[in-house]
Amino acid sequence: MKNLLFFSSNKNKVSEVKKLFKGSGIKLYSLDDFEKIKEPKETGATFVENAKIKSLFGYKFFKIPCFANDSGICINALHDKPGVKSKRFFSKFLSKKNTFNYIINKTKESKNKAAYFKTSICLTLNEGEHIIFEGKINGTISNFPLGKNGFGYDPIFIPNGQNKTYGQMTQTQKNTLSHRSLAINKLLGFVIS
């Protein structure tokens, strides 16, 4: 496989994934390499369903093998929410800071800081062939938002065995242990072999 499309216009995700593909011999495209298109609605009930909606759409539209990911944070104190609605969860609050404060307060009230990040990747090789790769990292919610790096919930998530949030890590550090890098490395192992 020489060419592959990562169906994403999220600059942070594209940057992370391109670093992981470096030296693979695969030309990785993202939606930024093409004219802007209307992306499909993520109506799935699971990360896998949402990833498949996007990868199948990308394959049909661009006619090259395509993969997409759906990721989110699942917080015990919120009954494993926001999960697949992680991106939309921010819109319920006035600011990212308010979102973080709400989550931190809920974990303190319940005395349960456990959380995990999950990524599901769907690789579509043709209309009837979809391969799923997943990555999951367990961790805890920090007492305060920490760090300016990363995006989304990175400043409040401390992976197990670490003393920093994703937001305090460089992209290279995060790429050695993130949920997305676990899934991408499984995908790389498949497409390179």
Foldseek 3Di string as FASTA:
>chain_A
DAEEEEEDPPVLVVVLLVVLCPPLNHHYHYCVVDPDDDFDDQPDPAFQSSFCSRQLVCCVVVVAKYKYKQKAKFFVLVVGPPHSCLVVQQVVDPHPQVVLVVRLVSCVVVVHFKMKMKMWMWIDHDNVDIDIFMFMFIFGFANHQDAQDDDRRQRGTDTPPGDHGNRNDDSVVCCVDPGVNRRSVVVSVVVSD
